[in-house]
Amino acid sequence: MAARILCIGNRFVGGDDFGLRVYDTLAGMERPADVEIVDGGLAGLNLLRYLEDGLQVVFVDAVSGFAPTGEITIIDGDIIARQATGRFGHEAGLPFLLQILPAVVDNPPPRIRLIGCEGEASDGAVLDAAHLSLQLALEAR
């Protein structure tokens, strides 16, 4: 495996389903065999196992406060980690996971980037994010 795309969110909550809509799109596309896609859903800290082998990782999720509504943005993992409040709970989300990553992974953490969408995503934005996630994943080759 060269890279992994982790799509996260909640299918049953509008505005939080972006990552999983991108997952569904990627699942129906041709893609290189060395790029793994993962439906991370609401797995939280259980996603750590996907970050232990040093592969490049692209997260796909809904975001808030990073771009105008409906726009796609790319955010480096260290910027997301700095958003952590230090408290654990469902609301801690990806920032908490990325903040604790160096303390719980033996290998050097992989390069992590997030493709996010502010608010409701159009079908076009979902398709664009699917292509962009593959492009970023392939940079690991």
N, C-alpha and C. Protein backbone atom coordinates (compact mmCIF):
# COMPACT_ATOMS: atom_id res chain seq x y z
N MET A 1 0.83 -1.19 0.00
CA MET A 1 0.00 0.00 0.00
C MET A 1 0.88 1.25 0.00
N ALA A 2 0.57 2.19 -0.82
CA ALA A 2 1.30 3.45 -0.87
C ALA A 2 0.64 4.52 -0.03
N ALA A 3 -0.68 4.47 0.01
CA ALA A 3 -1.41 5.52 0.73
C ALA A 3 -2.80 5.01 1.10
N ARG A 4 -3.42 5.76 1.98
CA ARG A 4 -4.74 5.41 2.48
C ARG A 4 -5.60 6.66 2.51
N ILE A 5 -6.85 6.51 2.11
CA ILE A 5 -7.83 7.60 2.19
C ILE A 5 -8.86 7.18 3.23
N LEU A 6 -8.95 7.93 4.32
CA LEU A 6 -9.88 7.64 5.41
C LEU A 6 -11.04 8.63 5.34
N CYS A 7 -12.20 8.12 5.00
CA CYS A 7 -13.39 8.95 4.88
C CYS A 7 -14.20 8.80 6.16
N ILE A 8 -14.48 9.92 6.82
CA ILE A 8 -15.15 9.85 8.11
C ILE A 8 -16.39 10.75 8.13
N GLY A 9 -17.28 10.45 9.07
CA GLY A 9 -18.49 11.24 9.22
C GLY A 9 -19.67 10.37 9.60
N ASN A 10 -20.84 10.96 9.52
CA ASN A 10 -22.09 10.30 9.91
C ASN A 10 -23.05 10.35 8.73
N ARG A 11 -23.38 9.20 8.19
CA ARG A 11 -24.28 9.12 7.03
C ARG A 11 -25.67 9.67 7.32
N PHE A 12 -26.06 9.70 8.57
CA PHE A 12 -27.44 10.04 8.91
C PHE A 12 -27.63 11.48 9.35
N VAL A 13 -26.56 12.27 9.25
CA VAL A 13 -26.64 13.68 9.64
C VAL A 13 -26.18 14.52 8.45
N GLY A 14 -27.12 15.24 7.85
CA GLY A 14 -26.78 16.11 6.74
C GLY A 14 -25.70 17.10 7.15
N GLY A 15 -24.74 17.32 6.29
CA GLY A 15 -23.63 18.21 6.61
C GLY A 15 -22.47 17.48 7.26
N ASP A 16 -22.71 16.30 7.85
CA ASP A 16 -21.63 15.50 8.43
C ASP A 16 -21.39 14.24 7.60
N ASP A 17 -22.07 14.13 6.47
CA ASP A 17 -21.97 12.93 5.64
C ASP A 17 -20.99 13.09 4.48
N PHE A 18 -20.31 14.21 4.40
CA PHE A 18 -19.42 14.50 3.28
C PHE A 18 -18.38 13.40 3.05
N GLY A 19 -17.66 13.04 4.09
CA GLY A 19 -16.61 12.03 3.94
C GLY A 19 -17.14 10.71 3.42
N LEU A 20 -18.29 10.31 3.87
CA LEU A 20 -18.84 9.03 3.45
C LEU A 20 -19.44 9.10 2.04
N ARG A 21 -19.90 10.26 1.65
CA ARG A 21 -20.33 10.43 0.26
C ARG A 21 -19.13 10.33 -0.67
N VAL A 22 -17.99 10.88 -0.24
CA VAL A 22 -16.76 10.76 -1.03
C VAL A 22 -16.33 9.29 -1.07
N TYR A 23 -16.43 8.59 0.05
CA TYR A 23 -16.09 7.16 0.08
C TYR A 23 -16.93 6.41 -0.95
N ASP A 24 -18.23 6.64 -0.97
CA ASP A 24 -19.10 5.95 -1.92
C ASP A 24 -18.69 6.24 -3.36
N THR A 25 -18.30 7.48 -3.61
CA THR A 25 -17.84 7.85 -4.96
C THR A 25 -16.55 7.13 -5.30
N LEU A 26 -15.58 7.13 -4.37
CA LEU A 26 -14.31 6.44 -4.61
C LEU A 26 -14.50 4.94 -4.81
N ALA A 27 -15.42 4.36 -4.07
CA ALA A 27 -15.67 2.92 -4.17
C ALA A 27 -16.15 2.54 -5.57
N GLY A 28 -16.79 3.46 -6.26
CA GLY A 28 -17.29 3.19 -7.60
C GLY A 28 -16.32 3.60 -8.71
N MET A 29 -15.16 4.13 -8.35
CA MET A 29 -14.18 4.60 -9.34
C MET A 29 -13.03 3.60 -9.48
N GLU A 30 -12.41 3.61 -10.65
CA GLU A 30 -11.16 2.89 -10.79
C GLU A 30 -10.09 3.68 -10.05
N ARG A 31 -9.25 2.95 -9.34
CA ARG A 31 -8.17 3.60 -8.61
C ARG A 31 -6.99 2.63 -8.53
N PRO A 32 -5.80 3.15 -8.31
CA PRO A 32 -4.63 2.28 -8.20
C PRO A 32 -4.79 1.29 -7.04
N ALA A 33 -4.27 0.10 -7.24
CA ALA A 33 -4.38 -0.96 -6.22
C ALA A 33 -3.65 -0.60 -4.94
N ASP A 34 -2.66 0.30 -5.01
CA ASP A 34 -1.89 0.64 -3.81
C ASP A 34 -2.46 1.82 -3.04
N VAL A 35 -3.69 2.23 -3.37
CA VAL A 35 -4.39 3.26 -2.61
C VAL A 35 -5.62 2.61 -1.98
N GLU A 36 -5.60 2.50 -0.67
CA GLU A 36 -6.70 1.89 0.09
C GLU A 36 -7.69 2.98 0.50
N ILE A 37 -8.98 2.69 0.35
CA ILE A 37 -9.99 3.60 0.87
C ILE A 37 -10.67 2.93 2.05
N VAL A 38 -10.99 3.73 3.07
CA VAL A 38 -11.57 3.21 4.30
C VAL A 38 -12.80 4.03 4.66
N ASP A 39 -13.89 3.33 4.94
CA ASP A 39 -15.09 3.96 5.51
C ASP A 39 -14.85 4.03 7.00
N GLY A 40 -14.38 5.19 7.47
CA GLY A 40 -14.06 5.36 8.88
C GLY A 40 -15.24 5.73 9.74
N GLY A 41 -16.37 6.09 9.09
CA GLY A 41 -17.58 6.41 9.82
C GLY A 41 -17.33 7.23 11.06
N LEU A 42 -17.76 6.70 12.20
CA LEU A 42 -17.61 7.35 13.49
C LEU A 42 -16.63 6.59 14.38
N ALA A 43 -15.59 6.01 13.78
CA ALA A 43 -14.68 5.11 14.50
C ALA A 43 -13.81 5.80 15.54
N GLY A 44 -13.64 7.10 15.47
CA GLY A 44 -12.88 7.82 16.49
C GLY A 44 -11.48 7.30 16.68
N LEU A 45 -11.11 7.00 17.93
CA LEU A 45 -9.75 6.54 18.23
C LEU A 45 -9.42 5.20 17.58
N ASN A 46 -10.42 4.44 17.18
CA ASN A 46 -10.17 3.19 16.48
C ASN A 46 -9.50 3.41 15.13
N LEU A 47 -9.48 4.65 14.66
CA LEU A 47 -8.80 4.96 13.40
C LEU A 47 -7.28 4.96 13.56
N LEU A 48 -6.79 4.97 14.79
CA LEU A 48 -5.34 4.99 15.02
C LEU A 48 -4.65 3.83 14.32
N ARG A 49 -5.29 2.68 14.23
CA ARG A 49 -4.65 1.52 13.60
C ARG A 49 -4.32 1.77 12.13
N TYR A 50 -5.03 2.71 11.51
CA TYR A 50 -4.76 3.02 10.10
C TYR A 50 -3.60 4.01 9.95
N LEU A 51 -3.07 4.48 11.05
CA LEU A 51 -2.01 5.48 11.02
C LEU A 51 -0.67 4.94 11.52
N GLU A 52 -0.63 3.66 11.86
CA GLU A 52 0.55 3.09 12.50
C GLU A 52 1.64 2.62 11.53
N ASP A 53 1.32 2.44 10.26
CA ASP A 53 2.29 1.85 9.35
C ASP A 53 3.05 2.86 8.50
N GLY A 54 2.88 4.14 8.78
CA GLY A 54 3.65 5.17 8.11
C GLY A 54 3.20 5.53 6.70
N LEU A 55 2.09 4.96 6.25
CA LEU A 55 1.59 5.32 4.94
C LEU A 55 1.09 6.76 4.94
N GLN A 56 1.17 7.39 3.79
CA GLN A 56 0.55 8.72 3.65
C GLN A 56 -0.95 8.55 3.86
N VAL A 57 -1.56 9.47 4.58
CA VAL A 57 -2.99 9.39 4.87
C VAL A 57 -3.68 10.68 4.46
N VAL A 58 -4.80 10.51 3.77
CA VAL A 58 -5.66 11.62 3.42
C VAL A 58 -6.99 11.37 4.12
N PHE A 59 -7.37 12.27 5.02
CA PHE A 59 -8.69 12.20 5.64
C PHE A 59 -9.66 13.00 4.77
N VAL A 60 -10.91 12.58 4.76
CA VAL A 60 -11.97 13.33 4.09
C VAL A 60 -13.10 13.47 5.10
N ASP A 61 -13.50 14.73 5.38
CA ASP A 61 -14.51 14.97 6.41
C ASP A 61 -15.13 16.35 6.21
N ALA A 62 -16.25 16.56 6.86
CA ALA A 62 -16.86 17.89 6.91
C ALA A 62 -16.02 18.75 7.86
N VAL A 63 -15.93 20.04 7.57
CA VAL A 63 -15.18 20.95 8.43
C VAL A 63 -16.04 22.16 8.75
N SER A 64 -15.59 22.91 9.74
CA SER A 64 -16.30 24.12 10.12
C SER A 64 -15.27 25.20 10.46
N GLY A 65 -15.41 26.35 9.80
CA GLY A 65 -14.55 27.48 10.09
C GLY A 65 -13.28 27.56 9.28
N PHE A 66 -13.19 26.81 8.19
CA PHE A 66 -11.97 26.81 7.39
C PHE A 66 -12.15 27.37 5.98
N ALA A 67 -13.39 27.45 5.50
CA ALA A 67 -13.62 27.90 4.12
C ALA A 67 -15.06 28.40 4.00
N PRO A 68 -15.35 29.12 2.92
CA PRO A 68 -16.75 29.52 2.69
C PRO A 68 -17.65 28.29 2.50
N THR A 69 -18.91 28.41 2.80
CA THR A 69 -19.87 27.32 2.69
C THR A 69 -19.85 26.69 1.30
N GLY A 70 -19.80 25.36 1.29
CA GLY A 70 -19.82 24.60 0.05
C GLY A 70 -18.47 24.43 -0.61
N GLU A 71 -17.42 25.04 -0.08
CA GLU A 71 -16.11 24.95 -0.70
C GLU A 71 -15.27 23.83 -0.10
N ILE A 72 -14.42 23.27 -0.96
CA ILE A 72 -13.47 22.24 -0.57
C ILE A 72 -12.17 22.93 -0.14
N THR A 73 -11.55 22.40 0.92
CA THR A 73 -10.28 22.94 1.39
C THR A 73 -9.35 21.79 1.74
N ILE A 74 -8.05 22.05 1.67
CA ILE A 74 -7.04 21.07 2.08
C ILE A 74 -6.32 21.66 3.29
N ILE A 75 -6.25 20.86 4.35
CA ILE A 75 -5.66 21.33 5.61
C ILE A 75 -4.61 20.31 6.06
N ASP A 76 -3.43 20.78 6.41
CA ASP A 76 -2.40 19.88 6.93
C ASP A 76 -2.80 19.35 8.30
N GLY A 77 -2.37 18.12 8.57
CA GLY A 77 -2.72 17.46 9.82
C GLY A 77 -2.29 18.21 11.06
N ASP A 78 -1.14 18.88 11.02
CA ASP A 78 -0.68 19.61 12.21
C ASP A 78 -1.61 20.78 12.54
N ILE A 79 -2.21 21.38 11.54
CA ILE A 79 -3.18 22.47 11.77
C ILE A 79 -4.44 21.91 12.43
N ILE A 80 -4.88 20.75 11.97
CA ILE A 80 -6.05 20.10 12.58
C ILE A 80 -5.73 19.73 14.03
N ALA A 81 -4.56 19.16 14.28
CA ALA A 81 -4.18 18.75 15.64
C ALA A 81 -4.20 19.93 16.60
N ARG A 82 -3.82 21.12 16.13
CA ARG A 82 -3.81 22.30 16.99
C ARG A 82 -5.22 22.76 17.37
N GLN A 83 -6.23 22.22 16.72
CA GLN A 83 -7.62 22.57 17.05
C GLN A 83 -8.14 21.78 18.26
N ALA A 84 -7.36 20.81 18.72
CA ALA A 84 -7.79 19.96 19.84
C ALA A 84 -7.95 20.79 21.11
N THR A 85 -8.99 20.48 21.87
CA THR A 85 -9.26 21.19 23.12
C THR A 85 -8.60 20.53 24.32
N GLY A 86 -8.07 19.32 24.13
CA GLY A 86 -7.45 18.60 25.24
C GLY A 86 -8.43 17.71 25.97
N ARG A 87 -9.72 17.83 25.67
CA ARG A 87 -10.73 16.98 26.30
C ARG A 87 -11.05 15.82 25.39
N PHE A 88 -11.34 14.67 25.99
CA PHE A 88 -11.71 13.50 25.22
C PHE A 88 -13.22 13.36 25.21
N GLY A 89 -13.75 12.96 24.09
CA GLY A 89 -15.17 12.72 23.91
C GLY A 89 -15.47 12.75 22.42
N HIS A 90 -16.67 12.41 22.03
CA HIS A 90 -17.01 12.39 20.61
C HIS A 90 -16.72 13.73 19.95
N GLU A 91 -17.00 14.80 20.66
CA GLU A 91 -16.80 16.13 20.07
C GLU A 91 -15.32 16.45 19.86
N ALA A 92 -14.41 15.68 20.48
CA ALA A 92 -12.98 15.91 20.31
C ALA A 92 -12.54 15.59 18.88
N GLY A 93 -13.11 14.54 18.31
CA GLY A 93 -12.93 14.19 16.92
C GLY A 93 -11.51 14.06 16.41
N LEU A 94 -11.36 14.38 15.14
CA LEU A 94 -10.08 14.25 14.45
C LEU A 94 -8.97 15.09 15.09
N PRO A 95 -9.23 16.31 15.55
CA PRO A 95 -8.14 17.06 16.20
C PRO A 95 -7.50 16.31 17.37
N PHE A 96 -8.32 15.70 18.21
CA PHE A 96 -7.78 14.95 19.36
C PHE A 96 -6.97 13.75 18.87
N LEU A 97 -7.50 13.01 17.91
CA LEU A 97 -6.80 11.85 17.36
C LEU A 97 -5.41 12.25 16.84
N LEU A 98 -5.34 13.33 16.09
CA LEU A 98 -4.06 13.75 15.52
C LEU A 98 -3.13 14.33 16.58
N GLN A 99 -3.69 14.92 17.62
CA GLN A 99 -2.86 15.46 18.69
C GLN A 99 -2.16 14.35 19.47
N ILE A 100 -2.84 13.24 19.73
CA ILE A 100 -2.23 12.16 20.50
C ILE A 100 -1.42 11.18 19.65
N LEU A 101 -1.55 11.27 18.35
CA LEU A 101 -0.89 10.33 17.44
C LEU A 101 0.60 10.14 17.74
N PRO A 102 1.40 11.18 17.88
CA PRO A 102 2.84 10.95 18.13
C PRO A 102 3.11 10.18 19.43
N ALA A 103 2.23 10.27 20.39
CA ALA A 103 2.44 9.60 21.67
C ALA A 103 2.08 8.12 21.64
N VAL A 104 1.28 7.70 20.66
CA VAL A 104 0.80 6.32 20.66
C VAL A 104 1.27 5.48 19.48
N VAL A 105 1.95 6.09 18.52
CA VAL A 105 2.44 5.36 17.35
C VAL A 105 3.95 5.25 17.44
N ASP A 106 4.47 4.04 17.30
CA ASP A 106 5.91 3.81 17.41
C ASP A 106 6.69 4.38 16.22
N ASN A 107 6.15 4.20 15.04
CA ASN A 107 6.82 4.70 13.83
C ASN A 107 6.60 6.20 13.70
N PRO A 108 7.42 6.86 12.90
CA PRO A 108 7.14 8.28 12.65
C PRO A 108 5.74 8.43 12.04
N PRO A 109 4.97 9.39 12.52
CA PRO A 109 3.62 9.56 11.96
C PRO A 109 3.69 9.87 10.47
N PRO A 110 2.71 9.40 9.73
CA PRO A 110 2.68 9.66 8.30
C PRO A 110 2.33 11.12 8.02
N ARG A 111 2.55 11.54 6.79
CA ARG A 111 2.06 12.86 6.40
C ARG A 111 0.55 12.75 6.32
N ILE A 112 -0.12 13.67 6.98
CA ILE A 112 -1.58 13.64 7.03
C ILE A 112 -2.12 14.95 6.51
N ARG A 113 -3.10 14.83 5.64
CA ARG A 113 -3.83 16.00 5.16
C ARG A 113 -5.31 15.69 5.21
N LEU A 114 -6.08 16.73 5.32
CA LEU A 114 -7.54 16.61 5.37
C LEU A 114 -8.14 17.36 4.19
N ILE A 115 -9.01 16.68 3.48
CA ILE A 115 -9.84 17.35 2.48
C ILE A 115 -11.18 17.55 3.16
N GLY A 116 -11.57 18.80 3.32
CA GLY A 116 -12.80 19.11 4.03
C GLY A 116 -13.73 19.94 3.18
N CYS A 117 -14.99 19.88 3.55
CA CYS A 117 -16.00 20.72 2.90
C CYS A 117 -16.80 21.40 4.00
N GLU A 118 -16.98 22.69 3.83
CA GLU A 118 -17.80 23.48 4.76
C GLU A 118 -19.26 23.29 4.42
N GLY A 119 -20.06 22.89 5.39
CA GLY A 119 -21.51 22.80 5.19
C GLY A 119 -21.90 21.73 4.19
N GLU A 120 -23.10 21.87 3.66
CA GLU A 120 -23.62 20.90 2.69
C GLU A 120 -22.78 20.90 1.42
N ALA A 121 -22.47 19.72 0.93
CA ALA A 121 -21.66 19.59 -0.27
C ALA A 121 -22.53 19.18 -1.45
N SER A 122 -22.32 19.84 -2.57
CA SER A 122 -23.01 19.46 -3.79
C SER A 122 -22.41 18.15 -4.32
N ASP A 123 -23.13 17.51 -5.23
CA ASP A 123 -22.60 16.29 -5.85
C ASP A 123 -21.29 16.59 -6.58
N GLY A 124 -21.19 17.77 -7.18
CA GLY A 124 -19.96 18.16 -7.87
C GLY A 124 -18.80 18.30 -6.91
N ALA A 125 -19.06 18.87 -5.73
CA ALA A 125 -18.00 19.01 -4.71
C ALA A 125 -17.54 17.64 -4.23
N VAL A 126 -18.47 16.71 -4.09
CA VAL A 126 -18.12 15.35 -3.66
C VAL A 126 -17.22 14.70 -4.71
N LEU A 127 -17.58 14.82 -5.97
CA LEU A 127 -16.77 14.25 -7.06
C LEU A 127 -15.39 14.92 -7.11
N ASP A 128 -15.35 16.23 -6.98
CA ASP A 128 -14.06 16.94 -6.96
C ASP A 128 -13.20 16.46 -5.81
N ALA A 129 -13.80 16.28 -4.64
CA ALA A 129 -13.04 15.82 -3.47
C ALA A 129 -12.53 14.40 -3.66
N ALA A 130 -13.30 13.55 -4.33
CA ALA A 130 -12.85 12.19 -4.61
C ALA A 130 -11.60 12.22 -5.49
N HIS A 131 -11.64 13.01 -6.55
CA HIS A 131 -10.48 13.12 -7.44
C HIS A 131 -9.28 13.74 -6.71
N LEU A 132 -9.53 14.75 -5.91
CA LEU A 132 -8.47 15.41 -5.17
C LEU A 132 -7.84 14.47 -4.15
N SER A 133 -8.65 13.66 -3.48
CA SER A 133 -8.10 12.72 -2.49
C SER A 133 -7.20 11.70 -3.17
N LEU A 134 -7.58 11.24 -4.35
CA LEU A 134 -6.71 10.32 -5.08
C LEU A 134 -5.41 11.00 -5.50
N GLN A 135 -5.52 12.23 -5.95
CA GLN A 135 -4.33 12.98 -6.35
C GLN A 135 -3.36 13.13 -5.19
N LEU A 136 -3.87 13.49 -4.01
CA LEU A 136 -2.99 13.66 -2.84
C LEU A 136 -2.41 12.32 -2.40
N ALA A 137 -3.22 11.27 -2.46
CA ALA A 137 -2.74 9.94 -2.07
C ALA A 137 -1.62 9.48 -3.00
N LEU A 138 -1.73 9.79 -4.27
CA LEU A 138 -0.73 9.34 -5.23
C LEU A 138 0.58 10.10 -5.11
N GLU A 139 0.59 11.24 -4.45
CA GLU A 139 1.83 11.98 -4.22
C GLU A 139 2.79 11.17 -3.36
N ALA A 140 2.28 10.16 -2.67
CA ALA A 140 3.12 9.33 -1.79
C ALA A 140 4.01 8.36 -2.57
N ARG A 141 3.69 8.14 -3.82
CA ARG A 141 4.44 7.16 -4.61
C ARG A 141 5.85 7.57 -4.83
